[in-house]
């Protein structure tokens, strides 16, 4: 039998040179946040080459599309958070479409 890893999600993705590090997280059985929700804690790291990561993302996107097509998963429209106003910028001059940032995005991709 092969080792198996369960994860509740990805905590962070870090890119350094030609290496991509993906931190997997699990919900803690003992640690809670202020809302009494289990905290996400680091459990494992997967390290990819850039090429391996890109291929893996494509495989996951295909799997997700299959789940969407089967009606198992429903996609929501992404929520775009407005950027804070910059000094000297007017609302008309701010272009929010260039880099919309979704919540829960690694700081490496700002």
PDB file of N, CA and C in Angstrom:
ATOM      1  N   UNK A   1       0.841  -1.183   0.000  1.00  0.00           N
ATOM      2  CA  UNK A   1       0.000   0.000   0.000  1.00  0.00           C
ATOM      3  C   UNK A   1       0.881   1.240   0.000  1.00  0.00           C
ATOM      4  N   UNK A   2       0.435   2.272  -0.694  1.00  0.00           N
ATOM      5  CA  UNK A   2       1.170   3.530  -0.777  1.00  0.00           C
ATOM      6  C   UNK A   2       0.667   4.494   0.281  1.00  0.00           C
ATOM      7  N   UNK A   3       1.568   5.366   0.741  1.00  0.00           N
ATOM      8  CA  UNK A   3       1.155   6.407   1.683  1.00  0.00           C
ATOM      9  C   UNK A   3       0.167   7.337   1.009  1.00  0.00           C
ATOM     10  N   UNK A   4      -0.813   7.786   1.777  1.00  0.00           N
ATOM     11  CA  UNK A   4      -1.787   8.742   1.281  1.00  0.00           C
ATOM     12  C   UNK A   4      -1.823   9.925   2.226  1.00  0.00           C
ATOM     13  N   UNK A   5      -2.083  11.095   1.657  1.00  0.00           N
ATOM     14  CA  UNK A   5      -2.152  12.318   2.448  1.00  0.00           C
ATOM     15  C   UNK A   5      -3.520  12.930   2.237  1.00  0.00           C
ATOM     16  N   UNK A   6      -4.175  13.304   3.338  1.00  0.00           N
ATOM     17  CA  UNK A   6      -5.422  14.045   3.253  1.00  0.00           C
ATOM     18  C   UNK A   6      -5.117  15.499   3.567  1.00  0.00           C
ATOM     19  N   UNK A   7      -5.709  16.404   2.809  1.00  0.00           N
ATOM     20  CA  UNK A   7      -5.551  17.821   3.086  1.00  0.00           C
ATOM     21  C   UNK A   7      -6.899  18.512   2.981  1.00  0.00           C
ATOM     22  N   UNK A   8      -7.076  19.552   3.792  1.00  0.00           N
ATOM     23  CA  UNK A   8      -8.287  20.366   3.705  1.00  0.00           C
ATOM     24  C   UNK A   8      -8.096  21.503   2.708  1.00  0.00           C
ATOM     25  N   UNK A   9      -6.893  21.667   2.191  1.00  0.00           N
ATOM     26  CA  UNK A   9      -6.670  22.716   1.208  1.00  0.00           C
ATOM     27  C   UNK A   9      -5.219  23.135   1.130  1.00  0.00           C
ATOM     28  N   UNK A  10      -5.005  24.198   0.390  1.00  0.00           N
ATOM     29  CA  UNK A  10      -3.675  24.775   0.199  1.00  0.00           C
ATOM     30  C   UNK A  10      -3.587  26.042   1.020  1.00  0.00           C
ATOM     31  N   UNK A  11      -2.527  26.136   1.826  1.00  0.00           N
ATOM     32  CA  UNK A  11      -2.330  27.321   2.646  1.00  0.00           C
ATOM     33  C   UNK A  11      -1.629  28.426   1.894  1.00  0.00           C
ATOM     34  N   UNK A  12      -0.566  28.081   1.201  1.00  0.00           N
ATOM     35  CA  UNK A  12       0.209  29.089   0.484  1.00  0.00           C
ATOM     36  C   UNK A  12       0.990  28.423  -0.633  1.00  0.00           C
ATOM     37  N   UNK A  13       1.241  29.180  -1.685  1.00  0.00           N
ATOM     38  CA  UNK A  13       2.087  28.732  -2.794  1.00  0.00           C
ATOM     39  C   UNK A  13       3.228  29.723  -2.899  1.00  0.00           C
ATOM     40  N   UNK A  14       4.458  29.217  -2.836  1.00  0.00           N
ATOM     41  CA  UNK A  14       5.638  30.077  -2.908  1.00  0.00           C
ATOM     42  C   UNK A  14       6.458  29.704  -4.133  1.00  0.00           C
ATOM     43  N   UNK A  15       6.870  30.718  -4.878  1.00  0.00           N
ATOM     44  CA  UNK A  15       7.689  30.498  -6.067  1.00  0.00           C
ATOM     45  C   UNK A  15       9.054  31.090  -5.817  1.00  0.00           C
ATOM     46  N   UNK A  16      10.080  30.283  -6.046  1.00  0.00           N
ATOM     47  CA  UNK A  16      11.453  30.745  -5.894  1.00  0.00           C
ATOM     48  C   UNK A  16      12.300  30.166  -7.010  1.00  0.00           C
ATOM     49  N   UNK A  17      12.709  31.016  -7.927  1.00  0.00           N
ATOM     50  CA  UNK A  17      13.493  30.528  -9.059  1.00  0.00           C
ATOM     51  C   UNK A  17      12.664  29.582  -9.904  1.00  0.00           C
ATOM     52  N   UNK A  18      13.149  28.361 -10.069  1.00  0.00           N
ATOM     53  CA  UNK A  18      12.436  27.379 -10.890  1.00  0.00           C
ATOM     54  C   UNK A  18      11.693  26.356 -10.036  1.00  0.00           C
ATOM     55  N   UNK A  19      11.484  26.682  -8.759  1.00  0.00           N
ATOM     56  CA  UNK A  19      10.842  25.760  -7.827  1.00  0.00           C
ATOM     57  C   UNK A  19       9.545  26.371  -7.296  1.00  0.00           C
ATOM     58  N   UNK A  20       8.499  25.548  -7.194  1.00  0.00           N
ATOM     59  CA  UNK A  20       7.222  25.967  -6.629  1.00  0.00           C
ATOM     60  C   UNK A  20       6.964  25.098  -5.406  1.00  0.00           C
ATOM     61  N   UNK A  21       6.705  25.742  -4.284  1.00  0.00           N
ATOM     62  CA  UNK A  21       6.403  25.035  -3.042  1.00  0.00           C
ATOM     63  C   UNK A  21       4.943  25.273  -2.691  1.00  0.00           C
ATOM     64  N   UNK A  22       4.208  24.196  -2.480  1.00  0.00           N
ATOM     65  CA  UNK A  22       2.789  24.255  -2.165  1.00  0.00           C
ATOM     66  C   UNK A  22       2.602  23.694  -0.765  1.00  0.00           C
ATOM     67  N   UNK A  23       2.151  24.543   0.162  1.00  0.00           N
ATOM     68  CA  UNK A  23       1.910  24.120   1.540  1.00  0.00           C
ATOM     69  C   UNK A  23       0.475  23.635   1.684  1.00  0.00           C
ATOM     70  N   UNK A  24       0.334  22.385   2.107  1.00  0.00           N
ATOM     71  CA  UNK A  24      -0.977  21.804   2.353  1.00  0.00           C
ATOM     72  C   UNK A  24      -1.359  22.036   3.808  1.00  0.00           C
ATOM     73  N   UNK A  25      -2.636  22.272   4.065  1.00  0.00           N
ATOM     74  CA  UNK A  25      -3.107  22.535   5.417  1.00  0.00           C
ATOM     75  C   UNK A  25      -4.241  21.581   5.774  1.00  0.00           C
ATOM     76  N   UNK A  26      -4.407  21.368   7.064  1.00  0.00           N
ATOM     77  CA  UNK A  26      -5.529  20.610   7.606  1.00  0.00           C
ATOM     78  C   UNK A  26      -6.165  21.416   8.718  1.00  0.00           C
ATOM     79  N   UNK A  27      -7.420  21.148   8.990  1.00  0.00           N
ATOM     80  CA  UNK A  27      -8.099  21.820  10.094  1.00  0.00           C
ATOM     81  C   UNK A  27      -7.651  21.175  11.398  1.00  0.00           C
ATOM     82  N   UNK A  28      -7.216  22.004  12.331  1.00  0.00           N
ATOM     83  CA  UNK A  28      -6.695  21.525  13.609  1.00  0.00           C
ATOM     84  C   UNK A  28      -7.806  20.926  14.470  1.00  0.00           C
ATOM     85  N   UNK A  29      -7.541  19.770  15.073  1.00  0.00           N
ATOM     86  CA  UNK A  29      -8.536  19.200  15.987  1.00  0.00           C
ATOM     87  C   UNK A  29      -8.565  19.909  17.344  1.00  0.00           C
ATOM     88  N   UNK A  30      -7.528  20.714  17.642  1.00  0.00           N
ATOM     89  CA  UNK A  30      -7.441  21.344  18.958  1.00  0.00           C
ATOM     90  C   UNK A  30      -7.411  22.865  18.921  1.00  0.00           C
ATOM     91  N   UNK A  31      -6.833  23.474  17.897  1.00  0.00           N
ATOM     92  CA  UNK A  31      -6.706  24.939  17.841  1.00  0.00           C
ATOM     93  C   UNK A  31      -7.941  25.557  17.191  1.00  0.00           C
ATOM     94  N   UNK A  32      -8.438  26.642  17.804  1.00  0.00           N
ATOM     95  CA  UNK A  32      -9.628  27.345  17.327  1.00  0.00           C
ATOM     96  C   UNK A  32      -9.334  28.834  17.202  1.00  0.00           C
ATOM     97  N   UNK A  33     -10.034  29.501  16.267  1.00  0.00           N
ATOM     98  CA  UNK A  33      -9.891  30.950  16.144  1.00  0.00           C
ATOM     99  C   UNK A  33     -10.919  31.637  17.039  1.00  0.00           C
ATOM    100  N   UNK A  34     -11.036  32.951  16.917  1.00  0.00           N
ATOM    101  CA  UNK A  34     -11.947  33.731  17.769  1.00  0.00           C
ATOM    102  C   UNK A  34     -13.414  33.347  17.557  1.00  0.00           C
ATOM    103  N   UNK A  35     -13.748  32.818  16.375  1.00  0.00           N
ATOM    104  CA  UNK A  35     -15.127  32.405  16.077  1.00  0.00           C
ATOM    105  C   UNK A  35     -15.365  30.934  16.399  1.00  0.00           C
ATOM    106  N   UNK A  36     -14.404  30.307  17.099  1.00  0.00           N
ATOM    107  CA  UNK A  36     -14.468  28.896  17.471  1.00  0.00           C
ATOM    108  C   UNK A  36     -14.441  27.964  16.256  1.00  0.00           C
ATOM    109  N   UNK A  37     -13.858  28.453  15.159  1.00  0.00           N
ATOM    110  CA  UNK A  37     -13.676  27.653  13.957  1.00  0.00           C
ATOM    111  C   UNK A  37     -12.291  27.025  14.009  1.00  0.00           C
ATOM    112  N   UNK A  38     -12.160  25.756  13.613  1.00  0.00           N
ATOM    113  CA  UNK A  38     -10.831  25.142  13.623  1.00  0.00           C
ATOM    114  C   UNK A  38      -9.838  25.928  12.761  1.00  0.00           C
ATOM    115  N   UNK A  39      -8.622  26.110  13.277  1.00  0.00           N
ATOM    116  CA  UNK A  39      -7.583  26.820  12.538  1.00  0.00           C
ATOM    117  C   UNK A  39      -6.973  25.900  11.487  1.00  0.00           C
ATOM    118  N   UNK A  40      -6.544  26.509  10.378  1.00  0.00           N
ATOM    119  CA  UNK A  40      -5.813  25.764   9.362  1.00  0.00           C
ATOM    120  C   UNK A  40      -4.354  25.694   9.787  1.00  0.00           C
ATOM    121  N   UNK A  41      -3.804  24.495   9.834  1.00  0.00           N
ATOM    122  CA  UNK A  41      -2.414  24.320  10.238  1.00  0.00           C
ATOM    123  C   UNK A  41      -1.645  23.571   9.152  1.00  0.00           C
ATOM    124  N   UNK A  42      -0.390  23.942   8.984  1.00  0.00           N
ATOM    125  CA  UNK A  42       0.488  23.301   8.006  1.00  0.00           C
ATOM    126  C   UNK A  42       0.589  21.814   8.307  1.00  0.00           C
ATOM    127  N   UNK A  43       0.517  20.988   7.253  1.00  0.00           N
ATOM    128  CA  UNK A  43       0.678  19.547   7.467  1.00  0.00           C
ATOM    129  C   UNK A  43       1.695  18.916   6.527  1.00  0.00           C
ATOM    130  N   UNK A  44       1.894  19.463   5.338  1.00  0.00           N
ATOM    131  CA  UNK A  44       2.807  18.849   4.371  1.00  0.00           C
ATOM    132  C   UNK A  44       3.157  19.880   3.307  1.00  0.00           C
ATOM    133  N   UNK A  45       4.309  19.708   2.674  1.00  0.00           N
ATOM    134  CA  UNK A  45       4.712  20.578   1.578  1.00  0.00           C
ATOM    135  C   UNK A  45       4.994  19.723   0.352  1.00  0.00           C
ATOM    136  N   UNK A  46       4.459  20.160  -0.787  1.00  0.00           N
ATOM    137  CA  UNK A  46       4.738  19.513  -2.069  1.00  0.00           C
ATOM    138  C   UNK A  46       5.611  20.473  -2.860  1.00  0.00           C
ATOM    139  N   UNK A  47       6.721  19.958  -3.396  1.00  0.00           N
ATOM    140  CA  UNK A  47       7.667  20.797  -4.129  1.00  0.00           C
ATOM    141  C   UNK A  47       7.684  20.343  -5.589  1.00  0.00           C
ATOM    142  N   UNK A  48       7.466  21.299  -6.482  1.00  0.00           N
ATOM    143  CA  UNK A  48       7.401  21.040  -7.916  1.00  0.00           C
ATOM    144  C   UNK A  48       8.474  21.826  -8.653  1.00  0.00           C
ATOM    145  N   UNK A  49       8.838  21.343  -9.833  1.00  0.00           N
ATOM    146  CA  UNK A  49       9.523  22.209 -10.798  1.00  0.00           C
ATOM    147  C   UNK A  49       8.434  23.099 -11.391  1.00  0.00           C
ATOM    148  N   UNK A  50       8.819  24.181 -12.035  1.00  0.00           N
ATOM    149  CA  UNK A  50       7.834  25.058 -12.685  1.00  0.00           C
ATOM    150  C   UNK A  50       6.996  24.256 -13.676  1.00  0.00           C
ATOM    151  N   UNK A  51       7.663  23.427 -14.482  1.00  0.00           N
ATOM    152  CA  UNK A  51       6.960  22.639 -15.498  1.00  0.00           C
ATOM    153  C   UNK A  51       5.993  21.649 -14.851  1.00  0.00           C
ATOM    154  N   UNK A  52       6.439  20.983 -13.786  1.00  0.00           N
ATOM    155  CA  UNK A  52       5.580  20.028 -13.093  1.00  0.00           C
ATOM    156  C   UNK A  52       4.366  20.700 -12.482  1.00  0.00           C
ATOM    157  N   UNK A  53       4.576  21.891 -11.920  1.00  0.00           N
ATOM    158  CA  UNK A  53       3.464  22.642 -11.332  1.00  0.00           C
ATOM    159  C   UNK A  53       2.467  23.031 -12.411  1.00  0.00           C
ATOM    160  N   UNK A  54       2.961  23.569 -13.529  1.00  0.00           N
ATOM    161  CA  UNK A  54       2.075  23.992 -14.622  1.00  0.00           C
ATOM    162  C   UNK A  54       1.268  22.799 -15.145  1.00  0.00           C
ATOM    163  N   UNK A  55       1.902  21.650 -15.299  1.00  0.00           N
ATOM    164  CA  UNK A  55       1.186  20.455 -15.755  1.00  0.00           C
ATOM    165  C   UNK A  55       0.144  20.021 -14.734  1.00  0.00           C
ATOM    166  N   UNK A  56       0.477  20.115 -13.457  1.00  0.00           N
ATOM    167  CA  UNK A  56      -0.453  19.720 -12.395  1.00  0.00           C
ATOM    168  C   UNK A  56      -1.672  20.629 -12.357  1.00  0.00           C
ATOM    169  N   UNK A  57      -1.455  21.918 -12.548  1.00  0.00           N
ATOM    170  CA  UNK A  57      -2.579  22.867 -12.561  1.00  0.00           C
ATOM    171  C   UNK A  57      -3.516  22.526 -13.708  1.00  0.00           C
ATOM    172  N   UNK A  58      -2.967  22.193 -14.861  1.00  0.00           N
ATOM    173  CA  UNK A  58      -3.798  21.839 -16.010  1.00  0.00           C
ATOM    174  C   UNK A  58      -4.630  20.587 -15.712  1.00  0.00           C
ATOM    175  N   UNK A  59      -4.025  19.587 -15.087  1.00  0.00           N
ATOM    176  CA  UNK A  59      -4.755  18.364 -14.731  1.00  0.00           C
ATOM    177  C   UNK A  59      -5.874  18.685 -13.745  1.00  0.00           C
ATOM    178  N   UNK A  60      -5.586  19.548 -12.738  1.00  0.00           N
ATOM    179  CA  UNK A  60      -6.608  19.908 -11.756  1.00  0.00           C
ATOM    180  C   UNK A  60      -7.738  20.719 -12.392  1.00  0.00           C
ATOM    181  N   UNK A  61      -7.394  21.610 -13.335  1.00  0.00           N
ATOM    182  CA  UNK A  61      -8.432  22.386 -14.018  1.00  0.00           C
ATOM    183  C   UNK A  61      -9.347  21.467 -14.822  1.00  0.00           C
ATOM    184  N   UNK A  62      -8.775  20.456 -15.468  1.00  0.00           N
ATOM    185  CA  UNK A  62      -9.585  19.494 -16.222  1.00  0.00           C
ATOM    186  C   UNK A  62     -10.490  18.691 -15.288  1.00  0.00           C
ATOM    187  N   UNK A  63      -9.956  18.284 -14.128  1.00  0.00           N
ATOM    188  CA  UNK A  63     -10.756  17.547 -13.152  1.00  0.00           C
ATOM    189  C   UNK A  63     -11.893  18.424 -12.634  1.00  0.00           C
ATOM    190  N   UNK A  64     -11.600  19.680 -12.327  1.00  0.00           N
ATOM    191  CA  UNK A  64     -12.630  20.610 -11.853  1.00  0.00           C
ATOM    192  C   UNK A  64     -13.708  20.802 -12.910  1.00  0.00           C
ATOM    193  N   UNK A  65     -13.304  20.958 -14.165  1.00  0.00           N
ATOM    194  CA  UNK A  65     -14.290  21.138 -15.231  1.00  0.00           C
ATOM    195  C   UNK A  65     -15.185  19.911 -15.342  1.00  0.00           C
ATOM    196  N   UNK A  66     -14.625  18.720 -15.153  1.00  0.00           N
ATOM    197  CA  UNK A  66     -15.430  17.502 -15.169  1.00  0.00           C
ATOM    198  C   UNK A  66     -16.451  17.493 -14.041  1.00  0.00           C
ATOM    199  N   UNK A  67     -16.051  17.983 -12.851  1.00  0.00           N
ATOM    200  CA  UNK A  67     -16.978  18.066 -11.721  1.00  0.00           C
ATOM    201  C   UNK A  67     -18.070  19.102 -11.982  1.00  0.00           C
ATOM    202  N   UNK A  68     -17.703  20.223 -12.603  1.00  0.00           N
ATOM    203  CA  UNK A  68     -18.682  21.257 -12.953  1.00  0.00           C
ATOM    204  C   UNK A  68     -19.667  20.698 -13.976  1.00  0.00           C
ATOM    205  N   UNK A  69     -19.143  20.034 -15.001  1.00  0.00           N
ATOM    206  CA  UNK A  69     -19.994  19.463 -16.051  1.00  0.00           C
ATOM    207  C   UNK A  69     -20.950  18.414 -15.487  1.00  0.00           C
ATOM    208  N   UNK A  70     -20.498  17.664 -14.469  1.00  0.00           N
ATOM    209  CA  UNK A  70     -21.332  16.630 -13.850  1.00  0.00           C
ATOM    210  C   UNK A  70     -22.320  17.218 -12.847  1.00  0.00           C
ATOM    211  N   UNK A  71     -22.214  18.520 -12.559  1.00  0.00           N
ATOM    212  CA  UNK A  71     -23.118  19.171 -11.620  1.00  0.00           C
ATOM    213  C   UNK A  71     -22.744  18.966 -10.164  1.00  0.00           C
ATOM    214  N   UNK A  72     -21.563  18.412  -9.907  1.00  0.00           N
ATOM    215  CA  UNK A  72     -21.121  18.169  -8.526  1.00  0.00           C
ATOM    216  C   UNK A  72     -20.660  19.468  -7.880  1.00  0.00           C
ATOM    217  N   UNK A  73     -20.059  20.349  -8.687  1.00  0.00           N
ATOM    218  CA  UNK A  73     -19.526  21.621  -8.200  1.00  0.00           C
ATOM    219  C   UNK A  73     -20.167  22.739  -9.003  1.00  0.00           C
ATOM    220  N   UNK A  74     -20.568  23.806  -8.300  1.00  0.00           N
ATOM    221  CA  UNK A  74     -21.083  24.994  -8.970  1.00  0.00           C
ATOM    222  C   UNK A  74     -20.069  26.101  -8.811  1.00  0.00           C
ATOM    223  N   UNK A  75     -19.757  26.768  -9.904  1.00  0.00           N
ATOM    224  CA  UNK A  75     -18.796  27.863  -9.863  1.00  0.00           C
ATOM    225  C   UNK A  75     -19.501  29.168  -9.544  1.00  0.00           C
ATOM    226  N   UNK A  76     -18.860  29.964  -8.699  1.00  0.00           N
ATOM    227  CA  UNK A  76     -19.339  31.310  -8.385  1.00  0.00           C
ATOM    228  C   UNK A  76     -18.508  32.309  -9.157  1.00  0.00           C
ATOM    229  N   UNK A  77     -19.088  33.443  -9.445  1.00  0.00           N
ATOM    230  CA  UNK A  77     -18.318  34.520 -10.068  1.00  0.00           C
ATOM    231  C   UNK A  77     -17.274  34.993  -9.057  1.00  0.00           C
ATOM    232  N   UNK A  78     -16.031  35.241  -9.497  1.00  0.00           N
ATOM    233  CA  UNK A  78     -15.008  35.704  -8.555  1.00  0.00           C
ATOM    234  C   UNK A  78     -15.381  37.044  -7.951  1.00  0.00           C
ATOM    235  N   UNK A  79     -15.063  37.186  -6.666  1.00  0.00           N
ATOM    236  CA  UNK A  79     -15.299  38.454  -5.970  1.00  0.00           C
ATOM    237  C   UNK A  79     -14.034  39.288  -6.079  1.00  0.00           C
ATOM    238  N   UNK A  80     -14.167  40.469  -6.630  1.00  0.00           N
ATOM    239  CA  UNK A  80     -13.026  41.364  -6.777  1.00  0.00           C
ATOM    240  C   UNK A  80     -13.071  42.382  -5.656  1.00  0.00           C
ATOM    241  N   UNK A  81     -11.954  42.502  -4.928  1.00  0.00           N
ATOM    242  CA  UNK A  81     -11.872  43.489  -3.860  1.00  0.00           C
ATOM    243  C   UNK A  81     -11.283  44.767  -4.429  1.00  0.00           C
ATOM    244  N   UNK A  82     -11.876  45.912  -4.116  1.00  0.00           N
ATOM    245  CA  UNK A  82     -11.317  47.168  -4.622  1.00  0.00           C
ATOM    246  C   UNK A  82      -9.955  47.435  -3.992  1.00  0.00           C
ATOM    247  N   UNK A  83      -9.055  47.990  -4.810  1.00  0.00           N
ATOM    248  CA  UNK A  83      -7.734  48.360  -4.303  1.00  0.00           C
ATOM    249  C   UNK A  83      -7.850  49.653  -3.520  1.00  0.00           C
ATOM    250  N   UNK A  84      -6.994  49.830  -2.499  1.00  0.00           N
ATOM    251  CA  UNK A  84      -7.020  51.106  -1.780  1.00  0.00           C
ATOM    252  C   UNK A  84      -6.601  52.246  -2.703  1.00  0.00           C
ATOM    253  N   UNK A  85      -7.169  53.426  -2.467  1.00  0.00           N
ATOM    254  CA  UNK A  85      -6.843  54.589  -3.296  1.00  0.00           C
ATOM    255  C   UNK A  85      -5.379  54.958  -3.136  1.00  0.00           C
ATOM    256  N   UNK A  86      -4.739  55.274  -4.248  1.00  0.00           N
ATOM    257  CA  UNK A  86      -3.337  55.708  -4.226  1.00  0.00           C
ATOM    258  C   UNK A  86      -3.290  57.224  -4.134  1.00  0.00           C
ATOM    259  N   UNK A  87      -2.228  57.733  -3.562  1.00  0.00           N
ATOM    260  CA  UNK A  87      -2.064  59.182  -3.448  1.00  0.00           C
ATOM    261  C   UNK A  87      -2.091  59.804  -4.837  1.00  0.00           C
ATOM    262  N   UNK A  88      -2.925  60.785  -5.036  1.00  0.00           N
ATOM    263  CA  UNK A  88      -3.002  61.490  -6.313  1.00  0.00           C
ATOM    264  C   UNK A  88      -3.886  60.798  -7.331  1.00  0.00           C
ATOM    265  N   UNK A  89      -4.395  59.625  -7.007  1.00  0.00           N
ATOM    266  CA  UNK A  89      -5.237  58.916  -7.961  1.00  0.00           C
ATOM    267  C   UNK A  89      -6.691  59.318  -7.751  1.00  0.00           C
ATOM    268  N   UNK A  90      -7.416  59.424  -8.843  1.00  0.00           N
ATOM    269  CA  UNK A  90      -8.843  59.704  -8.764  1.00  0.00           C
ATOM    270  C   UNK A  90      -9.587  58.421  -9.081  1.00  0.00           C
ATOM    271  N   UNK A  91     -10.820  58.294  -8.653  1.00  0.00           N
ATOM    272  CA  UNK A  91     -11.571  57.072  -8.954  1.00  0.00           C
ATOM    273  C   UNK A  91     -11.622  56.776 -10.446  1.00  0.00           C
ATOM    274  N   UNK A  92     -11.640  57.828 -11.271  1.00  0.00           N
ATOM    275  CA  UNK A  92     -11.704  57.615 -12.716  1.00  0.00           C
ATOM    276  C   UNK A  92     -10.387  57.046 -13.252  1.00  0.00           C
ATOM    277  N   UNK A  93      -9.260  57.398 -12.602  1.00  0.00           N
ATOM    278  CA  UNK A  93      -7.966  56.960 -13.125  1.00  0.00           C
ATOM    279  C   UNK A  93      -7.555  55.597 -12.594  1.00  0.00           C
ATOM    280  N   UNK A  94      -8.237  55.104 -11.571  1.00  0.00           N
ATOM    281  CA  UNK A  94      -7.875  53.800 -11.009  1.00  0.00           C
ATOM    282  C   UNK A  94      -8.388  52.707 -11.929  1.00  0.00           C
ATOM    283  N   UNK A  95      -7.502  51.786 -12.332  1.00  0.00           N
ATOM    284  CA  UNK A  95      -7.877  50.674 -13.192  1.00  0.00           C
ATOM    285  C   UNK A  95      -7.847  49.398 -12.368  1.00  0.00           C
ATOM    286  N   UNK A  96      -8.998  48.946 -11.911  1.00  0.00           N
ATOM    287  CA  UNK A  96      -9.080  47.778 -11.053  1.00  0.00           C
ATOM    288  C   UNK A  96      -9.050  46.479 -11.849  1.00  0.00           C
ATOM    289  N   UNK A  97      -9.156  46.545 -13.162  1.00  0.00           N
ATOM    290  CA  UNK A  97      -9.228  45.316 -13.948  1.00  0.00           C
ATOM    291  C   UNK A  97      -7.860  44.716 -14.233  1.00  0.00           C
ATOM    292  N   UNK A  98      -6.779  45.456 -14.015  1.00  0.00           N
ATOM    293  CA  UNK A  98      -5.459  44.926 -14.353  1.00  0.00           C
ATOM    294  C   UNK A  98      -5.019  43.825 -13.419  1.00  0.00           C
ATOM    295  N   UNK A  99      -5.260  43.942 -12.118  1.00  0.00           N
ATOM    296  CA  UNK A  99      -4.801  42.938 -11.177  1.00  0.00           C
ATOM    297  C   UNK A  99      -5.832  42.719 -10.072  1.00  0.00           C
ATOM    298  N   UNK A 100      -6.992  42.147 -10.439  1.00  0.00           N
ATOM    299  CA  UNK A 100      -7.965  41.897  -9.382  1.00  0.00           C
ATOM    300  C   UNK A 100      -7.413  40.840  -8.441  1.00  0.00           C
ATOM    301  N   UNK A 101      -7.570  41.037  -7.161  1.00  0.00           N
ATOM    302  CA  UNK A 101      -7.021  40.120  -6.175  1.00  0.00           C
ATOM    303  C   UNK A 101      -8.153  39.436  -5.442  1.00  0.00           C
ATOM    304  N   UNK A 102      -8.188  38.138  -5.529  1.00  0.00           N
ATOM    305  CA  UNK A 102      -9.201  37.373  -4.826  1.00  0.00           C
ATOM    306  C   UNK A 102      -8.750  37.155  -3.399  1.00  0.00           C
ATOM    307  N   UNK A 103      -9.675  36.971  -2.473  1.00  0.00           N
ATOM    308  CA  UNK A 103      -9.278  36.666  -1.117  1.00  0.00           C
ATOM    309  C   UNK A 103      -8.546  35.325  -1.082  1.00  0.00           C
ATOM    310  N   UNK A 104      -7.692  35.146  -0.086  1.00  0.00           N
ATOM    311  CA  UNK A 104      -6.969  33.891   0.107  1.00  0.00           C
ATOM    312  C   UNK A 104      -5.953  33.615  -0.989  1.00  0.00           C
ATOM    313  N   UNK A 105      -5.316  34.664  -1.493  1.00  0.00           N
ATOM    314  CA  UNK A 105      -4.291  34.518  -2.505  1.00  0.00           C
ATOM    315  C   UNK A 105      -2.933  34.731  -1.855  1.00  0.00           C
ATOM    316  N   UNK A 106      -1.968  33.916  -2.219  1.00  0.00           N
ATOM    317  CA  UNK A 106      -0.626  34.025  -1.653  1.00  0.00           C
ATOM    318  C   UNK A 106      -0.056  35.415  -1.897  1.00  0.00           C
ATOM    319  N   UNK A 107       0.730  35.883  -0.943  1.00  0.00           N
ATOM    320  CA  UNK A 107       1.386  37.186  -1.082  1.00  0.00           C
ATOM    321  C   UNK A 107       2.388  37.183  -2.221  1.00  0.00           C
ATOM    322  N   UNK A 108       2.764  36.009  -2.718  1.00  0.00           N
ATOM    323  CA  UNK A 108       3.697  35.931  -3.834  1.00  0.00           C
ATOM    324  C   UNK A 108       3.069  36.375  -5.157  1.00  0.00           C
ATOM    325  N   UNK A 109       1.738  36.509  -5.187  1.00  0.00           N
ATOM    326  CA  UNK A 109       1.064  36.816  -6.441  1.00  0.00           C
ATOM    327  C   UNK A 109       0.289  38.121  -6.376  1.00  0.00           C
ATOM    328  N   UNK A 110       0.786  39.071  -5.612  1.00  0.00           N
ATOM    329  CA  UNK A 110       0.121  40.379  -5.533  1.00  0.00           C
ATOM    330  C   UNK A 110       0.450  41.204  -6.720  1.00  0.00           C
TER     331      UNK A 110
END
